[in-house]
N, C-alpha and C. Protein backbone atom coordinates (compact mmCIF):
# COMPACT_ATOMS: atom_id res chain seq x y z
N MET A 1 -49.48 66.96 -129.01
CA MET A 1 -50.54 66.16 -128.45
C MET A 1 -50.16 64.79 -128.79
N ARG A 2 -49.56 64.23 -129.94
CA ARG A 2 -48.99 62.97 -130.00
C ARG A 2 -47.91 62.75 -129.05
N HIS A 3 -46.81 63.63 -128.95
CA HIS A 3 -45.87 63.40 -128.05
C HIS A 3 -46.11 62.89 -126.75
N LEU A 4 -47.37 63.70 -126.19
CA LEU A 4 -47.87 63.70 -124.77
C LEU A 4 -48.50 62.05 -124.84
N LYS A 5 -49.14 61.68 -125.86
CA LYS A 5 -49.68 60.59 -125.74
C LYS A 5 -48.65 59.34 -125.49
N LEU A 6 -47.68 59.61 -126.24
CA LEU A 6 -46.61 58.68 -126.38
C LEU A 6 -45.77 58.76 -124.98
N VAL A 7 -45.52 59.79 -124.44
CA VAL A 7 -44.88 59.77 -123.06
C VAL A 7 -45.80 59.27 -121.93
N LEU A 8 -47.19 59.57 -122.10
CA LEU A 8 -47.99 58.85 -121.07
C LEU A 8 -48.12 57.57 -121.46
N ALA A 9 -48.09 56.90 -122.49
CA ALA A 9 -48.24 55.47 -122.65
C ALA A 9 -46.76 54.80 -122.16
N VAL A 10 -45.72 55.60 -122.47
CA VAL A 10 -44.34 55.03 -121.77
C VAL A 10 -44.31 55.06 -120.33
N MET A 11 -45.07 56.15 -119.73
CA MET A 11 -45.20 56.14 -118.20
C MET A 11 -46.07 55.02 -117.67
N LEU A 12 -47.01 54.81 -118.41
CA LEU A 12 -47.99 53.71 -117.95
C LEU A 12 -47.60 52.30 -117.99
N LEU A 13 -46.54 52.19 -119.29
CA LEU A 13 -45.79 50.93 -119.19
C LEU A 13 -44.81 50.67 -118.13
N TRP A 14 -44.10 51.95 -117.77
CA TRP A 14 -43.08 51.90 -116.77
C TRP A 14 -43.60 51.53 -115.57
N MET A 15 -44.70 52.30 -115.07
CA MET A 15 -45.35 51.99 -113.66
C MET A 15 -45.97 50.69 -113.77
N GLY A 16 -46.44 50.19 -114.89
CA GLY A 16 -47.05 48.62 -114.70
C GLY A 16 -45.97 47.71 -114.57
N THR A 17 -44.70 47.78 -115.37
CA THR A 17 -43.71 46.97 -115.01
C THR A 17 -43.01 47.10 -113.56
N THR A 18 -42.96 48.50 -113.01
CA THR A 18 -42.63 48.38 -111.71
C THR A 18 -43.52 47.79 -110.85
N ALA A 19 -44.71 47.81 -110.71
CA ALA A 19 -45.89 47.32 -110.20
C ALA A 19 -45.53 45.65 -110.14
N VAL A 20 -45.31 45.07 -111.34
CA VAL A 20 -45.00 43.71 -111.51
C VAL A 20 -43.74 43.20 -110.85
N ASN A 21 -42.76 44.19 -110.98
CA ASN A 21 -41.36 43.84 -110.45
C ASN A 21 -41.77 43.82 -108.94
N ALA A 22 -42.36 44.83 -108.28
CA ALA A 22 -42.52 44.96 -106.96
C ALA A 22 -43.20 43.54 -106.18
N GLN A 23 -43.94 42.83 -107.03
CA GLN A 23 -44.54 41.67 -106.62
C GLN A 23 -43.63 40.40 -106.51
N LYS A 24 -42.65 40.75 -107.21
CA LYS A 24 -41.52 39.84 -107.33
C LYS A 24 -40.59 39.56 -106.25
N ILE A 25 -40.76 40.68 -105.28
CA ILE A 25 -39.74 40.72 -104.14
C ILE A 25 -40.38 40.28 -102.77
N ALA A 26 -39.87 39.62 -102.14
CA ALA A 26 -40.06 39.15 -100.70
C ALA A 26 -39.15 39.33 -99.63
N HIS A 27 -39.25 39.02 -98.38
CA HIS A 27 -38.50 38.94 -97.39
C HIS A 27 -38.81 37.88 -96.37
N ILE A 28 -37.65 37.59 -95.59
CA ILE A 28 -37.70 36.48 -94.60
C ILE A 28 -36.76 36.83 -93.43
N ASN A 29 -37.14 36.28 -92.32
CA ASN A 29 -36.33 36.68 -91.27
C ASN A 29 -35.38 35.29 -91.15
N VAL A 30 -34.34 35.20 -91.85
CA VAL A 30 -33.54 33.89 -91.82
C VAL A 30 -33.18 33.52 -90.37
N GLN A 31 -32.81 34.36 -89.55
CA GLN A 31 -32.39 33.97 -88.12
C GLN A 31 -33.49 33.56 -87.44
N LYS A 32 -34.57 33.94 -87.46
CA LYS A 32 -35.78 33.50 -86.63
C LYS A 32 -36.20 32.19 -87.04
N ILE A 33 -36.16 31.95 -88.42
CA ILE A 33 -36.71 30.69 -88.74
C ILE A 33 -35.61 29.69 -88.38
N LEU A 34 -34.28 29.95 -88.70
CA LEU A 34 -33.16 29.06 -88.22
C LEU A 34 -33.30 28.51 -86.89
N THR A 35 -33.51 29.55 -86.00
CA THR A 35 -33.61 29.16 -84.57
C THR A 35 -34.68 28.50 -84.12
N GLU A 36 -35.70 28.32 -85.05
CA GLU A 36 -37.06 27.81 -84.77
C GLU A 36 -36.94 26.35 -85.24
N MET A 37 -35.77 25.94 -86.04
CA MET A 37 -35.97 24.62 -86.75
C MET A 37 -35.64 23.58 -85.65
N PRO A 38 -36.24 22.37 -85.66
CA PRO A 38 -35.96 21.41 -84.79
C PRO A 38 -34.49 20.90 -84.85
N GLU A 39 -33.93 20.78 -86.21
CA GLU A 39 -32.64 20.43 -86.30
C GLU A 39 -31.71 21.46 -85.63
N PHE A 40 -32.03 22.70 -85.79
CA PHE A 40 -31.02 23.79 -85.15
C PHE A 40 -30.91 23.55 -83.54
N LYS A 41 -32.38 23.36 -82.99
CA LYS A 41 -32.30 23.37 -81.62
C LYS A 41 -31.54 21.96 -81.04
N ALA A 42 -31.63 20.84 -81.97
CA ALA A 42 -31.07 19.67 -81.46
C ALA A 42 -29.55 20.02 -81.58
N GLY A 43 -29.06 20.70 -82.40
CA GLY A 43 -27.76 20.80 -82.74
C GLY A 43 -27.15 21.73 -81.62
N GLN A 44 -28.03 22.90 -81.13
CA GLN A 44 -27.55 23.56 -80.30
C GLN A 44 -27.44 22.97 -78.84
N ALA A 45 -28.29 21.95 -78.62
CA ALA A 45 -28.22 20.98 -77.32
C ALA A 45 -26.99 20.12 -77.53
N GLU A 46 -26.83 19.59 -78.75
CA GLU A 46 -25.51 18.76 -78.76
C GLU A 46 -24.19 19.77 -78.41
N LEU A 47 -24.27 20.95 -79.05
CA LEU A 47 -23.24 21.77 -78.89
C LEU A 47 -22.91 21.97 -77.37
N LYS A 48 -23.97 22.37 -76.71
CA LYS A 48 -23.92 22.94 -75.31
C LYS A 48 -23.41 21.64 -74.53
N LYS A 49 -23.81 20.40 -74.93
CA LYS A 49 -23.03 19.24 -74.05
C LYS A 49 -21.61 19.22 -74.33
N LEU A 50 -21.19 19.44 -75.72
CA LEU A 50 -19.87 19.38 -75.93
C LEU A 50 -19.07 20.42 -75.31
N TYR A 51 -19.59 21.67 -75.42
CA TYR A 51 -18.93 22.96 -74.66
C TYR A 51 -18.69 22.50 -73.09
N ALA A 52 -19.79 21.76 -72.50
CA ALA A 52 -19.76 21.55 -71.20
C ALA A 52 -18.71 20.68 -70.73
N THR A 53 -18.46 19.54 -71.74
CA THR A 53 -17.32 18.33 -71.72
C THR A 53 -16.08 19.20 -71.63
N TYR A 54 -16.00 20.14 -72.64
CA TYR A 54 -14.57 21.02 -72.77
C TYR A 54 -14.25 22.00 -71.74
N GLU A 55 -15.25 22.55 -71.23
CA GLU A 55 -15.08 23.50 -70.00
C GLU A 55 -14.68 22.29 -68.60
N LYS A 56 -15.22 21.47 -68.59
CA LYS A 56 -15.09 20.50 -67.47
C LYS A 56 -13.68 20.13 -67.61
N GLU A 57 -13.02 19.67 -68.85
CA GLU A 57 -11.63 19.24 -68.82
C GLU A 57 -10.88 20.45 -68.66
N PHE A 58 -11.02 21.57 -69.19
CA PHE A 58 -10.23 22.80 -69.13
C PHE A 58 -10.01 23.15 -67.55
N LYS A 59 -11.27 22.97 -67.05
CA LYS A 59 -11.14 23.40 -65.59
C LYS A 59 -10.17 22.64 -64.61
N GLU A 60 -10.39 21.26 -65.10
CA GLU A 60 -9.48 20.28 -64.54
C GLU A 60 -7.96 20.77 -64.40
N MET A 61 -7.83 20.89 -65.90
CA MET A 61 -6.33 21.28 -66.09
C MET A 61 -6.02 22.24 -65.28
N GLN A 62 -6.63 23.56 -65.07
CA GLN A 62 -6.41 24.78 -64.56
C GLN A 62 -6.25 24.62 -63.05
N THR A 63 -7.12 23.60 -62.41
CA THR A 63 -7.04 23.27 -61.18
C THR A 63 -5.84 22.65 -60.78
N ALA A 64 -5.31 21.47 -61.67
CA ALA A 64 -4.17 21.02 -61.36
C ALA A 64 -3.04 22.00 -61.38
N TYR A 65 -2.87 22.67 -62.40
CA TYR A 65 -2.03 23.85 -62.39
C TYR A 65 -1.83 24.66 -61.20
N GLN A 66 -3.18 25.15 -60.76
CA GLN A 66 -3.30 25.80 -59.46
C GLN A 66 -2.69 25.20 -58.35
N THR A 67 -3.01 23.82 -58.25
CA THR A 67 -2.70 23.00 -57.06
C THR A 67 -1.08 22.84 -56.94
N LYS A 68 -0.64 22.42 -57.99
CA LYS A 68 0.96 22.28 -58.11
C LYS A 68 1.56 23.48 -57.89
N LEU A 69 1.07 24.80 -58.43
CA LEU A 69 1.65 26.26 -58.35
C LEU A 69 1.66 26.45 -56.73
N GLN A 70 0.54 26.20 -55.96
CA GLN A 70 0.66 26.49 -54.58
C GLN A 70 1.32 25.55 -53.97
N LYS A 71 1.65 24.21 -54.27
CA LYS A 71 2.52 23.48 -53.79
C LYS A 71 3.85 23.70 -53.56
N TYR A 72 4.24 24.08 -54.91
CA TYR A 72 5.84 24.65 -55.25
C TYR A 72 5.95 26.04 -54.58
N GLN A 73 5.11 26.72 -54.59
CA GLN A 73 5.43 28.15 -53.86
C GLN A 73 5.73 27.91 -52.35
N ALA A 74 4.73 26.81 -51.62
CA ALA A 74 4.81 26.66 -50.39
C ALA A 74 6.22 25.86 -49.93
N GLU A 75 6.71 25.13 -50.72
CA GLU A 75 7.87 24.34 -50.72
C GLU A 75 9.22 25.04 -51.29
N ALA A 76 8.93 26.08 -51.85
CA ALA A 76 10.10 27.02 -52.56
C ALA A 76 11.26 27.25 -51.57
N LYS A 77 11.12 27.55 -50.40
CA LYS A 77 12.32 27.78 -49.53
C LYS A 77 12.94 26.64 -48.89
N THR A 78 12.33 25.38 -49.15
CA THR A 78 12.87 24.16 -48.45
C THR A 78 13.49 23.40 -49.45
N VAL A 79 13.44 23.47 -50.77
CA VAL A 79 14.10 22.82 -51.85
C VAL A 79 15.33 23.44 -52.33
N SER A 80 16.18 22.82 -53.05
CA SER A 80 17.44 23.55 -53.66
C SER A 80 16.88 24.44 -54.86
N GLU A 81 17.82 25.19 -55.18
CA GLU A 81 17.67 26.15 -56.28
C GLU A 81 17.47 25.47 -57.51
N SER A 82 18.15 24.49 -57.92
CA SER A 82 18.13 23.68 -58.98
C SER A 82 16.51 23.03 -59.18
N GLU A 83 16.16 22.62 -57.81
CA GLU A 83 14.75 21.83 -57.97
C GLU A 83 13.75 22.98 -58.08
N ASN A 84 13.72 24.15 -57.62
CA ASN A 84 12.99 25.29 -58.02
C ASN A 84 12.97 25.71 -59.47
N GLN A 85 14.17 25.75 -59.99
CA GLN A 85 14.30 25.76 -61.45
C GLN A 85 13.43 24.83 -62.30
N LYS A 86 13.72 23.73 -61.93
CA LYS A 86 13.12 22.29 -62.39
C LYS A 86 11.48 22.56 -62.47
N ARG A 87 11.11 22.99 -61.18
CA ARG A 87 9.73 23.17 -61.00
C ARG A 87 8.77 24.25 -61.80
N ALA A 88 9.74 25.29 -61.89
CA ALA A 88 9.28 26.68 -62.64
C ALA A 88 9.23 26.33 -64.19
N GLN A 89 10.18 25.32 -64.60
CA GLN A 89 10.00 24.84 -65.96
C GLN A 89 8.84 24.00 -66.09
N GLU A 90 8.80 23.03 -65.18
CA GLU A 90 7.31 22.29 -65.19
C GLU A 90 5.99 22.99 -65.36
N LEU A 91 5.93 24.03 -64.35
CA LEU A 91 4.87 24.91 -64.49
C LEU A 91 4.48 25.71 -65.60
N MET A 92 5.98 26.06 -66.37
CA MET A 92 5.80 26.74 -67.73
C MET A 92 5.25 25.90 -68.82
N ASP A 93 5.66 24.45 -68.66
CA ASP A 93 5.32 23.66 -69.74
C ASP A 93 3.65 23.29 -69.41
N MET A 94 3.46 23.48 -68.30
CA MET A 94 1.69 23.00 -67.76
C MET A 94 1.03 24.15 -68.69
N GLU A 95 1.50 25.53 -68.25
CA GLU A 95 0.90 26.76 -68.95
C GLU A 95 0.77 26.51 -70.34
N LYS A 96 1.90 26.07 -71.09
CA LYS A 96 1.93 26.06 -72.61
C LYS A 96 0.73 24.86 -72.97
N LYS A 97 0.89 23.74 -72.14
CA LYS A 97 -0.12 22.66 -72.50
C LYS A 97 -1.32 23.06 -72.33
N ILE A 98 -1.82 24.01 -71.21
CA ILE A 98 -3.20 24.53 -70.95
C ILE A 98 -3.59 25.44 -72.23
N MET A 99 -2.69 26.44 -72.46
CA MET A 99 -2.93 27.17 -73.81
C MET A 99 -3.17 26.39 -75.01
N LYS A 100 -2.47 25.12 -75.13
CA LYS A 100 -2.53 24.83 -76.38
C LYS A 100 -3.89 23.90 -76.45
N ALA A 101 -4.38 23.35 -75.31
CA ALA A 101 -5.43 22.68 -75.24
C ALA A 101 -6.64 23.53 -75.43
N GLN A 102 -6.49 24.83 -74.82
CA GLN A 102 -7.57 25.80 -74.94
C GLN A 102 -7.78 25.95 -76.59
N GLN A 103 -6.85 26.25 -77.16
CA GLN A 103 -6.62 26.70 -78.55
C GLN A 103 -7.45 25.38 -79.43
N GLU A 104 -7.09 24.22 -79.14
CA GLU A 104 -7.47 22.94 -79.73
C GLU A 104 -8.85 22.88 -79.31
N ILE A 105 -9.36 23.03 -78.22
CA ILE A 105 -10.78 22.82 -77.90
C ILE A 105 -11.59 23.96 -78.59
N GLN A 106 -11.24 25.12 -78.77
CA GLN A 106 -11.84 26.37 -79.50
C GLN A 106 -12.02 25.77 -81.10
N ALA A 107 -10.82 25.26 -81.74
CA ALA A 107 -10.74 24.94 -82.96
C ALA A 107 -11.67 23.76 -83.19
N GLU A 108 -11.81 22.70 -82.45
CA GLU A 108 -12.58 21.53 -82.45
C GLU A 108 -14.21 22.04 -82.15
N ALA A 109 -14.30 23.07 -81.25
CA ALA A 109 -15.74 23.33 -81.02
C ALA A 109 -16.45 23.86 -82.44
N GLN A 110 -15.49 24.85 -82.78
CA GLN A 110 -15.84 25.52 -84.22
C GLN A 110 -15.96 24.63 -85.34
N LYS A 111 -15.43 23.74 -85.35
CA LYS A 111 -15.39 22.63 -86.45
C LYS A 111 -16.56 21.84 -86.38
N LYS A 112 -16.94 21.55 -84.91
CA LYS A 112 -18.16 20.68 -84.77
C LYS A 112 -19.39 21.58 -85.03
N GLU A 113 -19.43 22.92 -84.72
CA GLU A 113 -20.52 23.72 -84.90
C GLU A 113 -20.59 23.90 -86.49
N GLN A 114 -19.58 24.17 -87.14
CA GLN A 114 -19.82 24.16 -88.69
C GLN A 114 -20.46 22.91 -89.37
N GLU A 115 -20.16 21.75 -88.72
CA GLU A 115 -20.53 20.40 -89.26
C GLU A 115 -22.05 20.35 -88.75
N LEU A 116 -22.26 20.74 -87.75
CA LEU A 116 -23.92 20.48 -87.44
C LEU A 116 -24.79 21.83 -88.18
N ILE A 117 -24.24 22.94 -88.21
CA ILE A 117 -25.09 24.13 -88.79
C ILE A 117 -25.18 24.19 -90.34
N GLN A 118 -24.01 23.88 -90.98
CA GLN A 118 -24.05 23.94 -92.34
C GLN A 118 -25.14 23.24 -92.99
N PRO A 119 -25.48 21.91 -92.83
CA PRO A 119 -26.31 21.30 -93.54
C PRO A 119 -27.79 21.77 -93.18
N ILE A 120 -28.14 22.31 -92.02
CA ILE A 120 -29.29 23.12 -91.57
C ILE A 120 -29.64 24.11 -92.39
N GLN A 121 -28.32 24.82 -92.55
CA GLN A 121 -28.50 26.09 -93.26
C GLN A 121 -28.73 25.86 -94.73
N LYS A 122 -27.91 24.93 -95.51
CA LYS A 122 -28.35 24.62 -96.80
C LYS A 122 -29.90 24.09 -96.81
N LYS A 123 -30.38 23.25 -95.92
CA LYS A 123 -31.84 22.99 -95.86
C LYS A 123 -32.73 24.20 -96.18
N LEU A 124 -32.36 24.92 -95.07
CA LEU A 124 -33.18 26.24 -94.99
C LEU A 124 -33.09 27.09 -96.28
N LEU A 125 -31.93 27.15 -96.82
CA LEU A 125 -31.74 27.93 -98.02
C LEU A 125 -32.55 27.39 -99.19
N LYS A 126 -32.42 26.00 -99.32
CA LYS A 126 -33.21 25.37 -100.50
C LYS A 126 -34.74 25.43 -100.29
N ALA A 127 -35.25 25.43 -98.91
CA ALA A 127 -36.67 25.59 -98.81
C ALA A 127 -37.00 26.92 -99.26
N ILE A 128 -36.23 28.02 -98.98
CA ILE A 128 -36.39 29.64 -99.27
C ILE A 128 -36.50 29.65 -100.54
N GLU A 129 -35.43 29.02 -101.45
CA GLU A 129 -35.54 28.88 -102.80
C GLU A 129 -36.54 28.35 -103.57
N ASP A 130 -37.02 27.17 -102.90
CA ASP A 130 -38.34 26.39 -103.33
C ASP A 130 -39.66 27.16 -103.51
N VAL A 131 -39.68 27.77 -102.13
CA VAL A 131 -41.03 28.61 -102.03
C VAL A 131 -40.81 29.76 -102.95
N ALA A 132 -39.86 30.45 -102.98
CA ALA A 132 -39.74 31.59 -103.80
C ALA A 132 -40.02 31.22 -105.18
N ASP A 133 -39.71 30.01 -105.69
CA ASP A 133 -39.81 29.51 -106.97
C ASP A 133 -41.43 29.27 -107.01
N GLU A 134 -42.09 28.79 -106.24
CA GLU A 134 -43.37 28.36 -106.31
C GLU A 134 -44.28 29.63 -106.27
N LYS A 135 -43.95 30.74 -105.41
CA LYS A 135 -44.61 32.00 -105.43
C LYS A 135 -44.24 32.94 -106.42
N GLY A 136 -43.20 32.41 -107.42
CA GLY A 136 -42.92 33.41 -108.42
C GLY A 136 -41.99 34.66 -107.97
N PHE A 137 -41.33 34.69 -106.86
CA PHE A 137 -40.50 35.76 -106.41
C PHE A 137 -38.99 35.51 -107.04
N LYS A 138 -38.47 36.72 -107.60
CA LYS A 138 -37.16 36.66 -108.13
C LYS A 138 -36.23 37.13 -106.98
N TYR A 139 -36.53 38.00 -106.36
CA TYR A 139 -35.50 38.23 -104.98
C TYR A 139 -36.18 38.19 -103.55
N VAL A 140 -35.49 37.58 -102.65
CA VAL A 140 -35.90 37.29 -101.17
C VAL A 140 -34.76 37.91 -100.46
N PHE A 141 -35.05 39.02 -99.91
CA PHE A 141 -34.09 39.68 -98.76
C PHE A 141 -34.12 39.06 -97.47
N ASP A 142 -33.20 39.08 -96.74
CA ASP A 142 -33.11 38.60 -95.40
C ASP A 142 -33.28 39.88 -94.52
N SER A 143 -34.39 39.62 -93.80
CA SER A 143 -34.54 40.79 -93.00
C SER A 143 -34.28 40.64 -91.40
N SER A 144 -33.41 39.66 -91.14
CA SER A 144 -32.86 39.61 -89.65
C SER A 144 -31.80 40.17 -89.29
N GLY A 145 -31.11 40.83 -90.11
CA GLY A 145 -29.98 41.45 -89.84
C GLY A 145 -29.59 42.94 -90.30
N PRO A 146 -28.49 43.32 -90.21
CA PRO A 146 -28.12 44.60 -90.84
C PRO A 146 -28.08 44.50 -92.36
N THR A 147 -28.87 44.67 -93.15
CA THR A 147 -28.94 44.60 -94.61
C THR A 147 -29.31 46.13 -95.23
N ASN A 148 -29.56 46.11 -96.49
CA ASN A 148 -29.96 47.13 -97.12
C ASN A 148 -31.54 47.30 -97.03
N LEU A 149 -32.04 46.15 -96.58
CA LEU A 149 -33.62 46.38 -96.46
C LEU A 149 -33.97 47.48 -95.37
N ILE A 150 -34.68 48.37 -95.82
CA ILE A 150 -35.22 49.45 -95.02
C ILE A 150 -36.91 49.43 -94.67
N VAL A 151 -37.50 48.91 -95.43
CA VAL A 151 -39.06 48.71 -95.23
C VAL A 151 -39.29 47.04 -95.50
N ALA A 152 -40.06 46.45 -94.90
CA ALA A 152 -40.35 45.07 -95.00
C ALA A 152 -41.72 44.85 -95.18
N LYS A 153 -42.29 45.26 -96.20
CA LYS A 153 -43.74 45.61 -96.45
C LYS A 153 -44.29 44.64 -97.41
N GLY A 154 -43.02 43.99 -98.00
CA GLY A 154 -43.37 42.96 -99.18
C GLY A 154 -43.84 41.73 -98.44
N TYR A 155 -43.99 40.68 -99.34
CA TYR A 155 -44.45 39.40 -98.92
C TYR A 155 -43.53 38.71 -97.99
N ASP A 156 -44.07 38.15 -97.01
CA ASP A 156 -42.93 37.54 -96.06
C ASP A 156 -43.09 36.22 -96.17
N LEU A 157 -41.96 35.36 -96.77
CA LEU A 157 -42.19 33.88 -96.80
C LEU A 157 -41.99 33.10 -95.65
N TYR A 158 -42.07 33.86 -94.60
CA TYR A 158 -41.59 32.94 -93.28
C TYR A 158 -42.36 31.75 -93.16
N ASN A 159 -43.72 32.01 -93.00
CA ASN A 159 -44.72 30.96 -92.83
C ASN A 159 -44.68 29.95 -94.01
N ASP A 160 -44.56 30.22 -95.09
CA ASP A 160 -44.35 29.40 -96.36
C ASP A 160 -43.10 28.41 -96.06
N VAL A 161 -42.04 28.99 -95.77
CA VAL A 161 -40.87 28.27 -95.36
C VAL A 161 -41.11 27.33 -94.47
N LYS A 162 -41.65 27.85 -93.24
CA LYS A 162 -41.74 26.91 -92.31
C LYS A 162 -42.58 25.83 -92.49
N ALA A 163 -43.53 26.00 -93.38
CA ALA A 163 -44.72 25.00 -93.68
C ALA A 163 -43.82 24.10 -94.60
N LYS A 164 -42.78 24.35 -95.51
CA LYS A 164 -42.00 23.50 -96.47
C LYS A 164 -41.08 22.80 -95.42
N LEU A 165 -40.66 23.18 -94.51
CA LEU A 165 -39.51 22.55 -93.65
C LEU A 165 -40.33 21.68 -92.71
N GLY A 166 -41.76 21.60 -92.59
CA GLY A 166 -42.65 20.68 -91.89
C GLY A 166 -42.56 21.05 -90.40
N PHE A 167 -42.51 22.22 -90.15
CA PHE A 167 -42.85 22.43 -88.37
C PHE A 167 -43.45 23.80 -88.30
């Protein structure tokens, strides 16, 4: 009987601890709140303009290449073999230049995206940490992507973090 009381006491203690710990877990859809942040929207608009500029430059280079290629093909039978070789080399150089420009554009765009997004992500993470501290949560799961989170029935910090960010 004495052992039974001890076992019951331990079980009640364990269940009480589990219930308290369960209340210290929350979740938030980070992707959703990130895409709703005004700074993120402004950054996306800036990136969209930048990509449009890059795309325009790239298309101009491709158009110049296509125009020159068509001209050289049309004139190929009327010029000397050495001139055709010179023109072929010129076209190959243009192709290399276009490929290099494309790589540089992609690298520059990624760098700019990081510059714009990283401070926003830091601000969001800080707000999540602050709200979690204020509410007494020890763990916060990101419910926006493929995570180990199976059920999101815990406390959702979404509205609290949104209010902390001021939107």
